[in-house]
Every structure is written in C-alpha cells, then in structure tokens.
Amino acid sequence: MKQLIKVTEKIKLYVAMVTDYGAFIKIPGCRKQGLVHRTHMSSCRVDKPSEIVDVGDKVWVKLIGREMKNDRIKVSLSMKVVNQGTGKDLDPNNVIIEKRRKKNIETGSRLTLTAQTLRVTQARGQGTHQKTARQQRRRRRRRSTRRSTRSESGKSRGGG
C-alpha cells in the first residue's frame, strides 16, 4: 500500500460503493478501499453522494490522508481538489491536507469546557445597557402582573 499511492498523489479510480456519508473508491493492487467523504466530493454542499457518483464511475481523486488504527489502514481521498474533467490539481499547495493535520487531536489530551453567560445588549436613549436574559424575563413578568392586577382592581371598583 505504501509503495502504491503517495500522499498528495492524484489518480483516476473506480467507485466501488456509495453510502449516505460518502463513496468508497477501489484502489488497484490491494483489497483496501479509500473513502471520499461527502464533504470532500464537491466544493458545494452534498446531501446525497448518490446524486454525484454511481457505482462503476471513474473519478479523479487525491490522497489526502492515511492513518493506522488498530493495525488497519484508513485511506482518505478527496474529489473536490481535483478537476474531474482534466485531472488538474486544484490544491497544489496542499492547503486542505495541512488543515486536516491541525484538526487531528492527540489521543489522551484533556479538554476543558467552561460555561459563559449570555448577555443581550439593548439600546436606550444615548447609552447602551447590558441585561441578562433572565433579568429581562423577570421584568416582563412583573409588568404583566402589574397590568393584570390593575385591570382586575378597576373592574371590582366599577362593579361595586
């Protein structure tokens, strides 16, 4: 496998299987298939990969990643960085591959999450005041209860 395809190499291969999340491409000379995820099929959003490719189609792909997990090789391919008509590389500087490398997080690293409060900004007069959403809800409830008590008290006075 290592001697067959190099990372960043582009070749024309056959589609072996189409799923909801992408298409598997048959790699010649080995039993392994590479995945073109639906996000790497086109520069536009792809909801159904079956609308883009069918089984048996020959497409231009570029190898953008190769990972070893549990003694298995995962091959990631991309169609959007290769012109499907001519086979010309649309990403000669391998920008997409560099982005993928930065996104990969080392295993065992800890992730800490912090909570933040939501603040809503309102404009009043010349200055701006920041109120939390909870304070605004309380103020609305108070106003509505005042209005309802006023209207009820007016009815009881007039009726008696």
N, C-alpha and C. Protein backbone atom coordinates (compact mmCIF):
# COMPACT_ATOMS: atom_id res chain seq x y z
N MET A 1 0.83 -1.20 0.00
CA MET A 1 0.00 0.00 0.00
C MET A 1 0.86 1.25 0.00
N LYS A 2 1.91 1.26 0.82
CA LYS A 2 2.74 2.45 0.92
C LYS A 2 3.43 2.76 -0.40
N GLN A 3 3.81 1.72 -1.16
CA GLN A 3 4.50 1.96 -2.41
C GLN A 3 3.53 2.23 -3.56
N LEU A 4 2.23 1.95 -3.37
CA LEU A 4 1.28 2.15 -4.44
C LEU A 4 0.91 3.63 -4.63
N ILE A 5 0.45 4.27 -3.55
CA ILE A 5 -0.02 5.66 -3.65
C ILE A 5 0.67 6.50 -2.60
N LYS A 6 1.18 7.63 -3.02
CA LYS A 6 1.79 8.58 -2.08
C LYS A 6 0.75 9.62 -1.68
N VAL A 7 0.94 10.20 -0.51
CA VAL A 7 0.05 11.29 -0.09
C VAL A 7 0.24 12.44 -1.06
N THR A 8 -0.82 13.09 -1.41
CA THR A 8 -0.92 14.20 -2.38
C THR A 8 -0.85 13.72 -3.83
N GLU A 9 -0.83 12.42 -4.08
CA GLU A 9 -0.84 11.94 -5.46
C GLU A 9 -2.29 11.90 -5.95
N LYS A 10 -2.51 12.26 -7.21
CA LYS A 10 -3.85 12.23 -7.77
C LYS A 10 -3.91 11.16 -8.86
N ILE A 11 -4.97 10.36 -8.85
CA ILE A 11 -5.14 9.29 -9.82
C ILE A 11 -6.63 9.12 -10.14
N LYS A 12 -6.92 8.45 -11.24
CA LYS A 12 -8.30 8.21 -11.65
C LYS A 12 -8.65 6.77 -11.29
N LEU A 13 -9.70 6.59 -10.44
CA LEU A 13 -10.07 5.28 -9.94
C LEU A 13 -11.58 5.06 -10.05
N TYR A 14 -12.01 3.81 -9.83
CA TYR A 14 -13.41 3.43 -9.94
C TYR A 14 -14.11 3.51 -8.58
N VAL A 15 -15.39 3.90 -8.61
CA VAL A 15 -16.22 3.93 -7.41
C VAL A 15 -16.72 2.50 -7.15
N ALA A 16 -16.45 1.98 -5.94
CA ALA A 16 -16.84 0.62 -5.59
C ALA A 16 -18.20 0.58 -4.90
N MET A 17 -18.49 1.58 -4.04
CA MET A 17 -19.73 1.57 -3.27
C MET A 17 -20.08 3.00 -2.87
N VAL A 18 -21.38 3.30 -2.85
CA VAL A 18 -21.86 4.63 -2.45
C VAL A 18 -22.73 4.46 -1.21
N THR A 19 -22.44 5.26 -0.17
CA THR A 19 -23.22 5.23 1.07
C THR A 19 -23.79 6.62 1.35
N ASP A 20 -24.47 6.77 2.48
CA ASP A 20 -25.05 8.07 2.84
C ASP A 20 -23.98 9.10 3.20
N TYR A 21 -22.82 8.65 3.64
CA TYR A 21 -21.78 9.57 4.10
C TYR A 21 -20.62 9.70 3.14
N GLY A 22 -20.66 9.02 2.01
CA GLY A 22 -19.58 9.17 1.04
C GLY A 22 -19.53 8.03 0.05
N ALA A 23 -18.42 7.95 -0.65
CA ALA A 23 -18.22 6.91 -1.65
C ALA A 23 -16.90 6.20 -1.39
N PHE A 24 -16.91 4.87 -1.53
CA PHE A 24 -15.69 4.09 -1.40
C PHE A 24 -15.11 3.87 -2.78
N ILE A 25 -13.81 4.11 -2.89
CA ILE A 25 -13.10 4.03 -4.16
C ILE A 25 -12.18 2.81 -4.14
N LYS A 26 -12.24 2.01 -5.21
CA LYS A 26 -11.39 0.81 -5.30
C LYS A 26 -9.97 1.23 -5.63
N ILE A 27 -9.03 0.76 -4.80
CA ILE A 27 -7.62 1.06 -5.02
C ILE A 27 -6.99 -0.16 -5.70
N PRO A 28 -6.40 0.02 -6.87
CA PRO A 28 -5.85 -1.12 -7.60
C PRO A 28 -4.63 -1.71 -6.87
N GLY A 29 -4.51 -3.03 -6.93
CA GLY A 29 -3.36 -3.69 -6.34
C GLY A 29 -3.53 -4.06 -4.89
N CYS A 30 -4.66 -3.74 -4.27
CA CYS A 30 -4.91 -4.14 -2.88
C CYS A 30 -6.40 -4.29 -2.65
N ARG A 31 -6.76 -4.95 -1.57
CA ARG A 31 -8.16 -5.18 -1.25
C ARG A 31 -8.79 -3.96 -0.58
N LYS A 32 -7.99 -3.06 -0.14
CA LYS A 32 -8.46 -1.89 0.62
C LYS A 32 -9.18 -0.90 -0.30
N GLN A 33 -10.20 -0.25 0.26
CA GLN A 33 -10.91 0.81 -0.45
C GLN A 33 -10.71 2.11 0.30
N GLY A 34 -10.63 3.20 -0.42
CA GLY A 34 -10.49 4.52 0.19
C GLY A 34 -11.84 5.22 0.23
N LEU A 35 -12.03 6.09 1.21
CA LEU A 35 -13.29 6.81 1.37
C LEU A 35 -13.16 8.24 0.91
N VAL A 36 -14.10 8.65 0.07
CA VAL A 36 -14.27 10.07 -0.26
C VAL A 36 -15.48 10.50 0.53
N HIS A 37 -15.28 11.23 1.63
CA HIS A 37 -16.40 11.69 2.45
C HIS A 37 -17.19 12.71 1.65
N ARG A 38 -18.49 12.83 1.97
CA ARG A 38 -19.34 13.72 1.19
C ARG A 38 -18.89 15.18 1.26
N THR A 39 -18.16 15.55 2.31
CA THR A 39 -17.64 16.92 2.40
C THR A 39 -16.47 17.14 1.44
N HIS A 40 -15.87 16.05 0.96
CA HIS A 40 -14.75 16.16 0.02
C HIS A 40 -15.13 15.78 -1.40
N MET A 41 -16.44 15.69 -1.69
CA MET A 41 -16.87 15.34 -3.04
C MET A 41 -16.96 16.56 -3.94
N SER A 42 -17.35 17.68 -3.37
CA SER A 42 -17.54 18.89 -4.16
C SER A 42 -17.31 20.10 -3.26
N SER A 43 -17.05 21.24 -3.88
CA SER A 43 -16.88 22.45 -3.10
C SER A 43 -18.24 22.95 -2.60
N CYS A 44 -19.33 22.45 -3.19
CA CYS A 44 -20.69 22.76 -2.73
C CYS A 44 -21.13 21.71 -1.72
N ARG A 45 -22.20 21.99 -1.01
CA ARG A 45 -22.73 21.04 -0.03
C ARG A 45 -23.34 19.84 -0.75
N VAL A 46 -23.02 18.64 -0.29
CA VAL A 46 -23.54 17.40 -0.86
C VAL A 46 -24.36 16.70 0.21
N ASP A 47 -25.68 16.58 -0.02
CA ASP A 47 -26.53 15.87 0.92
C ASP A 47 -26.60 14.38 0.61
N LYS A 48 -26.66 14.05 -0.67
CA LYS A 48 -26.73 12.65 -1.09
C LYS A 48 -25.58 12.36 -2.06
N PRO A 49 -24.59 11.61 -1.64
CA PRO A 49 -23.48 11.28 -2.54
C PRO A 49 -23.92 10.52 -3.79
N SER A 50 -25.06 9.83 -3.71
CA SER A 50 -25.53 9.09 -4.87
C SER A 50 -25.94 10.02 -6.02
N GLU A 51 -26.20 11.29 -5.72
CA GLU A 51 -26.50 12.26 -6.77
C GLU A 51 -25.25 12.70 -7.51
N ILE A 52 -24.08 12.52 -6.90
CA ILE A 52 -22.82 12.95 -7.51
C ILE A 52 -22.16 11.81 -8.28
N VAL A 53 -22.08 10.62 -7.65
CA VAL A 53 -21.40 9.48 -8.28
C VAL A 53 -22.27 8.22 -8.22
N ASP A 54 -22.00 7.28 -9.09
CA ASP A 54 -22.64 5.98 -9.10
C ASP A 54 -21.55 4.91 -9.05
N VAL A 55 -21.95 3.70 -8.68
CA VAL A 55 -21.02 2.58 -8.66
C VAL A 55 -20.52 2.33 -10.08
N GLY A 56 -19.21 2.21 -10.22
CA GLY A 56 -18.60 1.97 -11.52
C GLY A 56 -18.08 3.23 -12.21
N ASP A 57 -18.44 4.40 -11.71
CA ASP A 57 -17.92 5.66 -12.30
C ASP A 57 -16.42 5.75 -12.07
N LYS A 58 -15.76 6.38 -13.02
CA LYS A 58 -14.32 6.62 -12.87
C LYS A 58 -14.14 8.09 -12.52
N VAL A 59 -13.50 8.35 -11.37
CA VAL A 59 -13.36 9.72 -10.88
C VAL A 59 -11.90 10.01 -10.54
N TRP A 60 -11.54 11.28 -10.63
CA TRP A 60 -10.21 11.72 -10.21
C TRP A 60 -10.24 11.95 -8.70
N VAL A 61 -9.27 11.40 -8.00
CA VAL A 61 -9.17 11.59 -6.55
C VAL A 61 -7.73 11.92 -6.18
N LYS A 62 -7.60 12.54 -5.02
CA LYS A 62 -6.29 12.86 -4.48
C LYS A 62 -6.22 12.29 -3.07
N LEU A 63 -5.14 11.61 -2.75
CA LEU A 63 -4.95 11.04 -1.42
C LEU A 63 -4.60 12.18 -0.46
N ILE A 64 -5.48 12.39 0.55
CA ILE A 64 -5.25 13.49 1.49
C ILE A 64 -4.91 12.99 2.89
N GLY A 65 -5.05 11.70 3.13
CA GLY A 65 -4.74 11.20 4.46
C GLY A 65 -4.65 9.69 4.51
N ARG A 66 -3.75 9.22 5.38
CA ARG A 66 -3.58 7.78 5.59
C ARG A 66 -3.27 7.59 7.06
N GLU A 67 -4.12 6.83 7.76
CA GLU A 67 -3.95 6.65 9.20
C GLU A 67 -3.90 5.16 9.52
N MET A 68 -3.14 4.84 10.56
CA MET A 68 -3.09 3.47 11.07
C MET A 68 -3.84 3.44 12.40
N LYS A 69 -4.91 2.66 12.47
CA LYS A 69 -5.67 2.48 13.72
C LYS A 69 -5.93 1.00 13.90
N ASN A 70 -5.48 0.47 15.03
CA ASN A 70 -5.70 -0.94 15.36
C ASN A 70 -5.24 -1.87 14.23
N ASP A 71 -4.06 -1.65 13.72
CA ASP A 71 -3.47 -2.44 12.63
C ASP A 71 -4.31 -2.40 11.35
N ARG A 72 -5.05 -1.33 11.15
CA ARG A 72 -5.83 -1.15 9.93
C ARG A 72 -5.46 0.19 9.33
N ILE A 73 -5.40 0.23 8.02
CA ILE A 73 -5.09 1.47 7.33
C ILE A 73 -6.39 2.13 6.90
N LYS A 74 -6.54 3.41 7.22
CA LYS A 74 -7.68 4.20 6.75
C LYS A 74 -7.16 5.17 5.70
N VAL A 75 -7.75 5.12 4.53
CA VAL A 75 -7.32 5.96 3.42
C VAL A 75 -8.39 7.01 3.16
N SER A 76 -8.01 8.29 3.21
CA SER A 76 -8.94 9.39 2.95
C SER A 76 -8.61 10.01 1.60
N LEU A 77 -9.64 10.15 0.79
CA LEU A 77 -9.48 10.69 -0.55
C LEU A 77 -10.35 11.93 -0.71
N SER A 78 -10.02 12.74 -1.70
CA SER A 78 -10.79 13.95 -1.97
C SER A 78 -11.00 14.10 -3.46
N MET A 79 -12.23 14.44 -3.84
CA MET A 79 -12.54 14.71 -5.24
C MET A 79 -12.57 16.21 -5.52
N LYS A 80 -12.81 17.01 -4.49
CA LYS A 80 -13.01 18.44 -4.73
C LYS A 80 -11.72 19.20 -5.02
N VAL A 81 -10.57 18.60 -4.74
CA VAL A 81 -9.31 19.29 -5.00
C VAL A 81 -8.72 18.90 -6.36
N VAL A 82 -9.47 18.09 -7.13
CA VAL A 82 -9.02 17.68 -8.46
C VAL A 82 -10.12 17.99 -9.45
N ASN A 83 -9.77 18.64 -10.56
CA ASN A 83 -10.73 18.92 -11.62
C ASN A 83 -11.14 17.59 -12.23
N GLN A 84 -12.44 17.28 -12.20
CA GLN A 84 -12.92 15.98 -12.65
C GLN A 84 -12.84 15.83 -14.17
N GLY A 85 -12.76 16.90 -14.89
CA GLY A 85 -12.66 16.81 -16.35
C GLY A 85 -11.24 16.57 -16.83
N THR A 86 -10.29 17.30 -16.27
CA THR A 86 -8.91 17.24 -16.77
C THR A 86 -7.96 16.52 -15.83
N GLY A 87 -8.31 16.40 -14.55
CA GLY A 87 -7.41 15.78 -13.59
C GLY A 87 -6.39 16.74 -13.03
N LYS A 88 -6.58 18.04 -13.30
CA LYS A 88 -5.64 19.05 -12.80
C LYS A 88 -5.84 19.26 -11.30
N ASP A 89 -4.74 19.39 -10.58
CA ASP A 89 -4.77 19.58 -9.13
C ASP A 89 -5.20 21.01 -8.82
N LEU A 90 -6.33 21.16 -8.10
CA LEU A 90 -6.85 22.48 -7.74
C LEU A 90 -6.27 22.98 -6.42
N ASP A 91 -5.53 22.14 -5.73
CA ASP A 91 -4.91 22.49 -4.45
C ASP A 91 -3.43 22.08 -4.49
N PRO A 92 -2.62 22.76 -5.33
CA PRO A 92 -1.23 22.33 -5.48
C PRO A 92 -0.38 22.55 -4.23
N ASN A 93 -0.79 23.47 -3.37
CA ASN A 93 -0.01 23.74 -2.15
C ASN A 93 -0.45 22.88 -0.97
N ASN A 94 -1.41 21.98 -1.19
CA ASN A 94 -1.90 21.05 -0.18
C ASN A 94 -2.41 21.75 1.08
N VAL A 95 -3.19 22.78 0.88
CA VAL A 95 -3.76 23.54 2.00
C VAL A 95 -4.74 22.67 2.78
N ILE A 96 -5.54 21.87 2.08
CA ILE A 96 -6.53 21.03 2.75
C ILE A 96 -5.85 19.99 3.63
N ILE A 97 -4.75 19.43 3.18
CA ILE A 97 -4.04 18.44 3.98
C ILE A 97 -3.48 19.07 5.24
N GLU A 98 -2.98 20.29 5.15
CA GLU A 98 -2.46 20.98 6.34
C GLU A 98 -3.57 21.27 7.33
N LYS A 99 -4.77 21.63 6.84
CA LYS A 99 -5.91 21.86 7.73
C LYS A 99 -6.29 20.58 8.45
N ARG A 100 -6.27 19.45 7.73
CA ARG A 100 -6.61 18.16 8.35
C ARG A 100 -5.62 17.81 9.45
N ARG A 101 -4.35 18.08 9.23
CA ARG A 101 -3.34 17.76 10.23
C ARG A 101 -3.52 18.59 11.49
N LYS A 102 -3.92 19.84 11.34
CA LYS A 102 -4.12 20.70 12.50
C LYS A 102 -5.36 20.28 13.29
N LYS A 103 -6.38 19.73 12.60
CA LYS A 103 -7.61 19.32 13.27
C LYS A 103 -7.43 18.05 14.07
N ASN A 104 -6.51 17.19 13.67
CA ASN A 104 -6.31 15.94 14.39
C ASN A 104 -5.80 16.24 15.80
N ILE A 105 -6.51 15.73 16.79
CA ILE A 105 -6.16 15.96 18.19
C ILE A 105 -5.46 14.71 18.71
N GLU A 106 -4.39 14.91 19.45
CA GLU A 106 -3.68 13.77 20.02
C GLU A 106 -4.58 13.05 21.00
N THR A 107 -4.45 11.73 21.03
CA THR A 107 -5.25 10.96 21.98
C THR A 107 -4.67 11.14 23.37
N GLY A 108 -5.52 11.15 24.35
CA GLY A 108 -5.09 11.31 25.73
C GLY A 108 -5.07 12.75 26.20
N SER A 109 -5.27 13.70 25.32
CA SER A 109 -5.27 15.09 25.76
C SER A 109 -6.63 15.42 26.39
N ARG A 110 -6.62 16.29 27.37
CA ARG A 110 -7.83 16.64 28.09
C ARG A 110 -8.45 17.89 27.49
N LEU A 111 -9.75 17.91 27.53
CA LEU A 111 -10.49 19.03 27.02
C LEU A 111 -11.28 19.63 28.17
N THR A 112 -11.13 20.92 28.40
CA THR A 112 -11.87 21.57 29.48
C THR A 112 -12.92 22.49 28.87
N LEU A 113 -14.10 22.42 29.43
CA LEU A 113 -15.20 23.25 28.95
C LEU A 113 -15.55 24.26 30.02
N THR A 114 -15.86 25.46 29.60
CA THR A 114 -16.27 26.49 30.54
C THR A 114 -17.63 27.03 30.11
N ALA A 115 -18.44 27.42 31.07
CA ALA A 115 -19.75 27.96 30.78
C ALA A 115 -19.66 29.48 30.71
N GLN A 116 -20.40 30.06 29.80
CA GLN A 116 -20.43 31.51 29.68
C GLN A 116 -21.88 31.96 29.70
N THR A 117 -22.12 33.12 30.27
CA THR A 117 -23.48 33.65 30.33
C THR A 117 -23.78 34.41 29.06
N LEU A 118 -25.03 34.36 28.69
CA LEU A 118 -25.48 35.07 27.50
C LEU A 118 -25.92 36.47 27.91
N ARG A 119 -25.40 37.47 27.23
CA ARG A 119 -25.79 38.85 27.52
C ARG A 119 -26.43 39.45 26.28
N VAL A 120 -27.51 40.14 26.51
CA VAL A 120 -28.23 40.78 25.42
C VAL A 120 -28.04 42.29 25.56
N THR A 121 -27.68 42.93 24.49
CA THR A 121 -27.44 44.37 24.53
C THR A 121 -28.68 45.09 24.00
N GLN A 122 -29.16 46.08 24.77
CA GLN A 122 -30.30 46.89 24.36
C GLN A 122 -29.85 48.35 24.27
N ALA A 123 -30.41 49.05 23.31
CA ALA A 123 -30.11 50.47 23.18
C ALA A 123 -31.25 51.27 23.79
N ARG A 124 -30.93 52.14 24.75
CA ARG A 124 -31.91 53.01 25.37
C ARG A 124 -31.36 54.43 25.36
N GLY A 125 -32.07 55.27 24.73
CA GLY A 125 -31.60 56.66 24.69
C GLY A 125 -30.26 56.74 23.97
N GLN A 126 -29.30 57.36 24.64
CA GLN A 126 -27.99 57.53 24.03
C GLN A 126 -27.03 56.41 24.39
N GLY A 127 -27.14 55.84 25.60
CA GLY A 127 -26.21 54.81 26.04
C GLY A 127 -26.77 53.42 25.82
N THR A 128 -25.93 52.43 25.96
CA THR A 128 -26.39 51.06 25.86
C THR A 128 -26.25 50.39 27.22
N HIS A 129 -27.22 49.56 27.56
CA HIS A 129 -27.21 48.86 28.83
C HIS A 129 -27.22 47.37 28.55
N GLN A 130 -26.47 46.62 29.33
CA GLN A 130 -26.45 45.17 29.15
C GLN A 130 -27.27 44.52 30.25
N LYS A 131 -28.21 43.71 29.83
CA LYS A 131 -29.06 42.99 30.76
C LYS A 131 -28.99 41.51 30.40
N THR A 132 -29.01 40.69 31.37
CA THR A 132 -29.04 39.27 31.08
C THR A 132 -30.45 38.89 30.66
N ALA A 133 -30.58 37.79 29.99
CA ALA A 133 -31.89 37.34 29.52
C ALA A 133 -32.81 37.04 30.70
N ARG A 134 -32.26 36.53 31.78
CA ARG A 134 -33.07 36.22 32.96
C ARG A 134 -33.66 37.50 33.56
N GLN A 135 -32.86 38.58 33.63
CA GLN A 135 -33.36 39.85 34.16
C GLN A 135 -34.48 40.40 33.29
N GLN A 136 -34.34 40.26 31.99
CA GLN A 136 -35.37 40.75 31.09
C GLN A 136 -36.68 39.98 31.26
N ARG A 137 -36.60 38.66 31.43
CA ARG A 137 -37.80 37.86 31.63
C ARG A 137 -38.51 38.24 32.93
N ARG A 138 -37.72 38.45 33.98
CA ARG A 138 -38.31 38.87 35.27
C ARG A 138 -39.05 40.19 35.13
N ARG A 139 -38.43 41.15 34.45
CA ARG A 139 -39.03 42.47 34.28
C ARG A 139 -40.35 42.36 33.50
N ARG A 140 -40.37 41.53 32.45
CA ARG A 140 -41.60 41.35 31.67
C ARG A 140 -42.71 40.74 32.52
N ARG A 141 -42.35 39.74 33.35
CA ARG A 141 -43.35 39.12 34.22
C ARG A 141 -43.93 40.12 35.20
N ARG A 142 -43.06 40.96 35.77
CA ARG A 142 -43.53 41.97 36.72
C ARG A 142 -44.50 42.94 36.05
N ARG A 143 -44.14 43.39 34.85
CA ARG A 143 -45.00 44.32 34.12
C ARG A 143 -46.35 43.68 33.81
N SER A 144 -46.34 42.45 33.36
CA SER A 144 -47.61 41.79 33.00
C SER A 144 -48.47 41.55 34.24
N THR A 145 -47.86 41.21 35.37
CA THR A 145 -48.66 41.01 36.59
C THR A 145 -49.22 42.34 37.08
N ARG A 146 -48.45 43.44 36.95
CA ARG A 146 -48.96 44.76 37.36
C ARG A 146 -50.16 45.14 36.51
N ARG A 147 -50.08 44.92 35.22
CA ARG A 147 -51.18 45.28 34.32
C ARG A 147 -52.43 44.46 34.64
N SER A 148 -52.22 43.17 34.88
CA SER A 148 -53.39 42.32 35.16
C SER A 148 -54.03 42.70 36.49
N THR A 149 -53.25 43.05 37.52
CA THR A 149 -53.82 43.43 38.81
C THR A 149 -54.54 44.77 38.70
N ARG A 150 -54.01 45.69 37.88
CA ARG A 150 -54.67 47.00 37.69
C ARG A 150 -56.02 46.82 37.02
N SER A 151 -56.06 45.97 36.00
CA SER A 151 -57.32 45.79 35.28
C SER A 151 -58.33 45.07 36.16
N GLU A 152 -57.89 44.13 36.98
CA GLU A 152 -58.81 43.43 37.89
C GLU A 152 -59.32 44.38 38.97
N SER A 153 -58.46 45.23 39.52
CA SER A 153 -58.88 46.15 40.57
C SER A 153 -59.85 47.18 40.02
N GLY A 154 -59.67 47.61 38.79
CA GLY A 154 -60.59 48.58 38.17
C GLY A 154 -61.96 47.98 37.97
N LYS A 155 -62.03 46.69 37.64
CA LYS A 155 -63.32 46.03 37.42
C LYS A 155 -64.08 45.92 38.74
N SER A 156 -63.32 45.59 39.81
CA SER A 156 -64.03 45.41 41.09
C SER A 156 -64.55 46.75 41.61
N ARG A 157 -63.86 47.85 41.36
CA ARG A 157 -64.33 49.17 41.83
C ARG A 157 -65.58 49.59 41.09
N GLY A 158 -65.52 49.41 39.76
CA GLY A 158 -66.65 49.87 38.96
C GLY A 158 -67.88 49.01 39.17
N GLY A 159 -67.71 47.75 39.48
CA GLY A 159 -68.84 46.84 39.61
C GLY A 159 -69.56 46.96 40.96
N GLY A 160 -68.94 47.54 42.00
CA GLY A 160 -69.50 47.51 43.34
C GLY A 160 -70.26 48.65 43.78
